[in-house]
Amino acid sequence: MANLITQLQNYRLTTAEIIYHLPDHPKLLQSFIWQEYDLAPKFPELKRFLDFWTKEIDGKLHSVYIASKEIITPSDTRFYDMEVTIQ
């Protein structure tokens, strides 16, 4: 129920691929996938996570790729003039 309320408040399912340098081998890159409900286009949750990453995690960020998709859109909701009785 909380996810539905979140989605109705204009949050979108956001996925970020975070590419970072391995701390012990800086020439090698590693990929990390992060996914959360967030507000586009400012992405405050992702920004908070990336701020945490730069302060607390040794792997230096190389790049971040973001995909964001509304889960519930106006075209998904329809009203029908119908009544169904199940016995």
N, C-alpha and C. Protein backbone atom coordinates (compact mmCIF):
# COMPACT_ATOMS: atom_id res chain seq x y z
N MET A 1 0.82 -1.19 0.00
CA MET A 1 0.00 0.00 0.00
C MET A 1 0.87 1.26 0.00
N ALA A 2 1.97 1.22 0.72
CA ALA A 2 2.86 2.38 0.77
C ALA A 2 3.44 2.67 -0.61
N ASN A 3 3.78 1.62 -1.38
CA ASN A 3 4.31 1.83 -2.72
C ASN A 3 3.28 2.48 -3.63
N LEU A 4 2.01 2.09 -3.51
CA LEU A 4 0.95 2.70 -4.31
C LEU A 4 0.83 4.18 -4.00
N ILE A 5 0.82 4.52 -2.73
CA ILE A 5 0.73 5.93 -2.33
C ILE A 5 1.94 6.70 -2.85
N THR A 6 3.10 6.10 -2.76
CA THR A 6 4.32 6.74 -3.27
C THR A 6 4.20 7.00 -4.76
N GLN A 7 3.70 6.02 -5.50
CA GLN A 7 3.57 6.17 -6.95
C GLN A 7 2.55 7.25 -7.30
N LEU A 8 1.49 7.34 -6.52
CA LEU A 8 0.49 8.36 -6.79
C LEU A 8 1.00 9.77 -6.47
N GLN A 9 2.07 9.88 -5.70
CA GLN A 9 2.66 11.18 -5.37
C GLN A 9 3.75 11.56 -6.39
N ASN A 10 3.65 10.99 -7.57
CA ASN A 10 4.52 11.32 -8.70
C ASN A 10 5.94 10.75 -8.60
N TYR A 11 6.16 9.79 -7.74
CA TYR A 11 7.44 9.11 -7.71
C TYR A 11 7.50 8.13 -8.87
N ARG A 12 8.71 7.87 -9.34
CA ARG A 12 8.91 6.94 -10.45
C ARG A 12 9.90 5.87 -10.02
N LEU A 13 9.76 4.71 -10.62
CA LEU A 13 10.75 3.66 -10.39
C LEU A 13 12.02 4.08 -11.12
N THR A 14 13.08 4.26 -10.37
CA THR A 14 14.34 4.75 -10.93
C THR A 14 15.41 3.69 -10.77
N THR A 15 16.10 3.42 -11.85
CA THR A 15 17.21 2.47 -11.84
C THR A 15 18.46 3.21 -12.30
N ALA A 16 19.52 3.05 -11.54
CA ALA A 16 20.79 3.68 -11.90
C ALA A 16 21.88 2.62 -11.99
N GLU A 17 22.62 2.65 -13.08
CA GLU A 17 23.81 1.81 -13.19
C GLU A 17 24.99 2.70 -12.82
N ILE A 18 25.64 2.33 -11.75
CA ILE A 18 26.77 3.12 -11.24
C ILE A 18 28.05 2.39 -11.61
N ILE A 19 28.87 3.05 -12.40
CA ILE A 19 30.17 2.49 -12.81
C ILE A 19 31.23 3.15 -11.94
N TYR A 20 32.04 2.32 -11.30
CA TYR A 20 33.06 2.88 -10.40
C TYR A 20 34.38 2.13 -10.56
N HIS A 21 35.46 2.79 -10.11
CA HIS A 21 36.80 2.21 -10.15
C HIS A 21 36.97 1.30 -8.93
N LEU A 22 37.53 0.13 -9.15
CA LEU A 22 37.84 -0.75 -8.02
C LEU A 22 38.92 -0.11 -7.16
N PRO A 23 38.74 -0.09 -5.85
CA PRO A 23 39.73 0.58 -4.98
C PRO A 23 41.14 -0.01 -5.09
N ASP A 24 41.25 -1.34 -5.17
CA ASP A 24 42.58 -1.97 -5.23
C ASP A 24 43.18 -1.96 -6.63
N HIS A 25 42.33 -1.82 -7.65
CA HIS A 25 42.78 -1.83 -9.05
C HIS A 25 42.05 -0.69 -9.79
N PRO A 26 42.49 0.55 -9.62
CA PRO A 26 41.76 1.71 -10.14
C PRO A 26 41.55 1.73 -11.66
N LYS A 27 42.34 0.95 -12.41
CA LYS A 27 42.15 0.91 -13.86
C LYS A 27 40.98 0.01 -14.26
N LEU A 28 40.51 -0.80 -13.33
CA LEU A 28 39.37 -1.69 -13.61
C LEU A 28 38.08 -1.04 -13.14
N LEU A 29 37.03 -1.24 -13.94
CA LEU A 29 35.72 -0.69 -13.60
C LEU A 29 34.77 -1.81 -13.18
N GLN A 30 33.88 -1.47 -12.27
CA GLN A 30 32.86 -2.40 -11.77
C GLN A 30 31.50 -1.71 -11.91
N SER A 31 30.46 -2.51 -12.06
CA SER A 31 29.11 -1.96 -12.20
C SER A 31 28.28 -2.32 -10.97
N PHE A 32 27.46 -1.37 -10.53
CA PHE A 32 26.55 -1.56 -9.40
C PHE A 32 25.17 -1.05 -9.83
N ILE A 33 24.12 -1.82 -9.59
CA ILE A 33 22.76 -1.41 -9.94
C ILE A 33 22.04 -0.96 -8.68
N TRP A 34 21.47 0.23 -8.73
CA TRP A 34 20.69 0.81 -7.63
C TRP A 34 19.27 1.04 -8.15
N GLN A 35 18.26 0.68 -7.34
CA GLN A 35 16.88 0.87 -7.76
C GLN A 35 16.04 1.31 -6.57
N GLU A 36 15.23 2.36 -6.80
CA GLU A 36 14.40 2.92 -5.74
C GLU A 36 13.34 3.81 -6.38
N TYR A 37 12.29 4.12 -5.63
CA TYR A 37 11.32 5.12 -6.08
C TYR A 37 11.92 6.50 -5.84
N ASP A 38 11.86 7.35 -6.87
CA ASP A 38 12.49 8.66 -6.77
C ASP A 38 11.71 9.67 -7.62
N LEU A 39 11.96 10.94 -7.37
CA LEU A 39 11.28 12.02 -8.09
C LEU A 39 12.16 12.54 -9.22
N ALA A 40 11.67 12.41 -10.45
CA ALA A 40 12.40 12.98 -11.59
C ALA A 40 11.99 14.44 -11.71
N PRO A 41 12.81 15.32 -12.19
CA PRO A 41 14.14 15.11 -12.77
C PRO A 41 15.28 15.36 -11.78
N LYS A 42 14.98 15.74 -10.55
CA LYS A 42 16.06 16.06 -9.60
C LYS A 42 16.64 14.83 -8.90
N PHE A 43 15.87 13.75 -8.79
CA PHE A 43 16.31 12.49 -8.19
C PHE A 43 16.96 12.67 -6.82
N PRO A 44 16.21 13.16 -5.82
CA PRO A 44 16.81 13.41 -4.51
C PRO A 44 17.30 12.13 -3.80
N GLU A 45 16.61 11.01 -3.98
CA GLU A 45 17.05 9.77 -3.34
C GLU A 45 18.37 9.28 -3.95
N LEU A 46 18.48 9.32 -5.26
CA LEU A 46 19.72 8.93 -5.92
C LEU A 46 20.86 9.86 -5.52
N LYS A 47 20.59 11.15 -5.48
CA LYS A 47 21.62 12.12 -5.07
C LYS A 47 22.09 11.83 -3.65
N ARG A 48 21.16 11.51 -2.75
CA ARG A 48 21.51 11.17 -1.37
C ARG A 48 22.40 9.93 -1.34
N PHE A 49 22.04 8.92 -2.17
CA PHE A 49 22.84 7.70 -2.21
C PHE A 49 24.23 7.98 -2.78
N LEU A 50 24.33 8.78 -3.83
CA LEU A 50 25.64 9.08 -4.41
C LEU A 50 26.49 9.93 -3.47
N ASP A 51 25.86 10.81 -2.71
CA ASP A 51 26.60 11.57 -1.69
C ASP A 51 27.18 10.62 -0.63
N PHE A 52 26.36 9.66 -0.20
CA PHE A 52 26.83 8.64 0.75
C PHE A 52 27.99 7.86 0.14
N TRP A 53 27.85 7.48 -1.13
CA TRP A 53 28.89 6.70 -1.82
C TRP A 53 30.22 7.45 -1.80
N THR A 54 30.20 8.72 -2.18
CA THR A 54 31.46 9.47 -2.27
C THR A 54 32.11 9.69 -0.91
N LYS A 55 31.29 9.73 0.16
CA LYS A 55 31.84 9.94 1.50
C LYS A 55 32.30 8.64 2.16
N GLU A 56 31.57 7.54 1.93
CA GLU A 56 31.78 6.33 2.72
C GLU A 56 32.40 5.15 1.96
N ILE A 57 32.36 5.15 0.64
CA ILE A 57 32.83 3.99 -0.13
C ILE A 57 34.10 4.38 -0.89
N ASP A 58 35.08 3.47 -0.89
CA ASP A 58 36.38 3.75 -1.48
C ASP A 58 36.38 3.83 -3.00
N GLY A 59 35.48 3.13 -3.67
CA GLY A 59 35.47 3.11 -5.13
C GLY A 59 35.07 4.44 -5.72
N LYS A 60 35.99 5.09 -6.45
CA LYS A 60 35.72 6.40 -7.05
C LYS A 60 34.72 6.23 -8.21
N LEU A 61 33.71 7.11 -8.24
CA LEU A 61 32.69 7.04 -9.29
C LEU A 61 33.29 7.37 -10.65
N HIS A 62 32.88 6.61 -11.64
CA HIS A 62 33.28 6.86 -13.03
C HIS A 62 32.12 7.49 -13.80
N SER A 63 30.94 6.85 -13.73
CA SER A 63 29.75 7.37 -14.43
C SER A 63 28.49 6.76 -13.83
N VAL A 64 27.37 7.42 -14.10
CA VAL A 64 26.07 6.97 -13.61
C VAL A 64 25.08 7.10 -14.75
N TYR A 65 24.39 6.00 -15.06
CA TYR A 65 23.35 5.99 -16.09
C TYR A 65 22.01 5.80 -15.40
N ILE A 66 21.04 6.65 -15.74
CA ILE A 66 19.76 6.65 -15.04
C ILE A 66 18.63 6.32 -16.01
N ALA A 67 17.73 5.45 -15.56
CA ALA A 67 16.48 5.17 -16.27
C ALA A 67 15.35 5.36 -15.27
N SER A 68 14.28 6.03 -15.71
CA SER A 68 13.18 6.32 -14.81
C SER A 68 11.87 6.11 -15.56
N LYS A 69 10.91 5.44 -14.91
CA LYS A 69 9.65 5.12 -15.57
C LYS A 69 8.51 5.28 -14.59
N GLU A 70 7.47 6.03 -15.03
CA GLU A 70 6.26 6.12 -14.23
C GLU A 70 5.60 4.75 -14.19
N ILE A 71 5.17 4.33 -13.02
CA ILE A 71 4.53 3.04 -12.89
C ILE A 71 3.04 3.16 -13.20
N ILE A 72 2.42 4.16 -12.66
CA ILE A 72 1.00 4.40 -12.89
C ILE A 72 0.86 5.67 -13.72
N THR A 73 0.24 5.56 -14.87
CA THR A 73 0.03 6.72 -15.74
C THR A 73 -1.46 6.92 -15.94
N PRO A 74 -1.88 8.10 -16.37
CA PRO A 74 -3.31 8.36 -16.57
C PRO A 74 -3.98 7.35 -17.51
N SER A 75 -3.25 6.86 -18.50
CA SER A 75 -3.86 5.91 -19.43
C SER A 75 -4.09 4.54 -18.80
N ASP A 76 -3.47 4.28 -17.65
CA ASP A 76 -3.64 2.99 -16.97
C ASP A 76 -4.93 2.91 -16.16
N THR A 77 -5.49 4.04 -15.80
CA THR A 77 -6.70 4.03 -14.98
C THR A 77 -7.91 4.36 -15.85
N ARG A 78 -8.93 3.53 -15.72
CA ARG A 78 -10.15 3.74 -16.49
C ARG A 78 -11.33 3.47 -15.57
N PHE A 79 -12.43 4.16 -15.82
CA PHE A 79 -13.66 3.95 -15.08
C PHE A 79 -14.67 3.28 -16.00
N TYR A 80 -15.32 2.25 -15.47
CA TYR A 80 -16.30 1.52 -16.26
C TYR A 80 -17.67 1.65 -15.61
N ASP A 81 -18.69 1.80 -16.44
CA ASP A 81 -20.05 1.87 -15.95
C ASP A 81 -20.63 0.46 -15.99
N MET A 82 -20.28 -0.33 -14.93
CA MET A 82 -20.63 -1.73 -14.93
C MET A 82 -20.67 -2.23 -13.48
N GLU A 83 -21.51 -3.20 -13.24
CA GLU A 83 -21.58 -3.82 -11.92
C GLU A 83 -21.53 -5.32 -12.10
N VAL A 84 -20.71 -5.99 -11.33
CA VAL A 84 -20.54 -7.45 -11.45
C VAL A 84 -20.85 -8.06 -10.10
N THR A 85 -21.66 -9.11 -10.10
CA THR A 85 -21.98 -9.84 -8.88
C THR A 85 -21.39 -11.23 -9.00
N ILE A 86 -20.61 -11.62 -8.02
CA ILE A 86 -20.00 -12.96 -8.00
C ILE A 86 -20.70 -13.77 -6.93
N GLN A 87 -21.19 -14.94 -7.32
CA GLN A 87 -21.90 -15.79 -6.37
C GLN A 87 -21.10 -17.01 -6.01
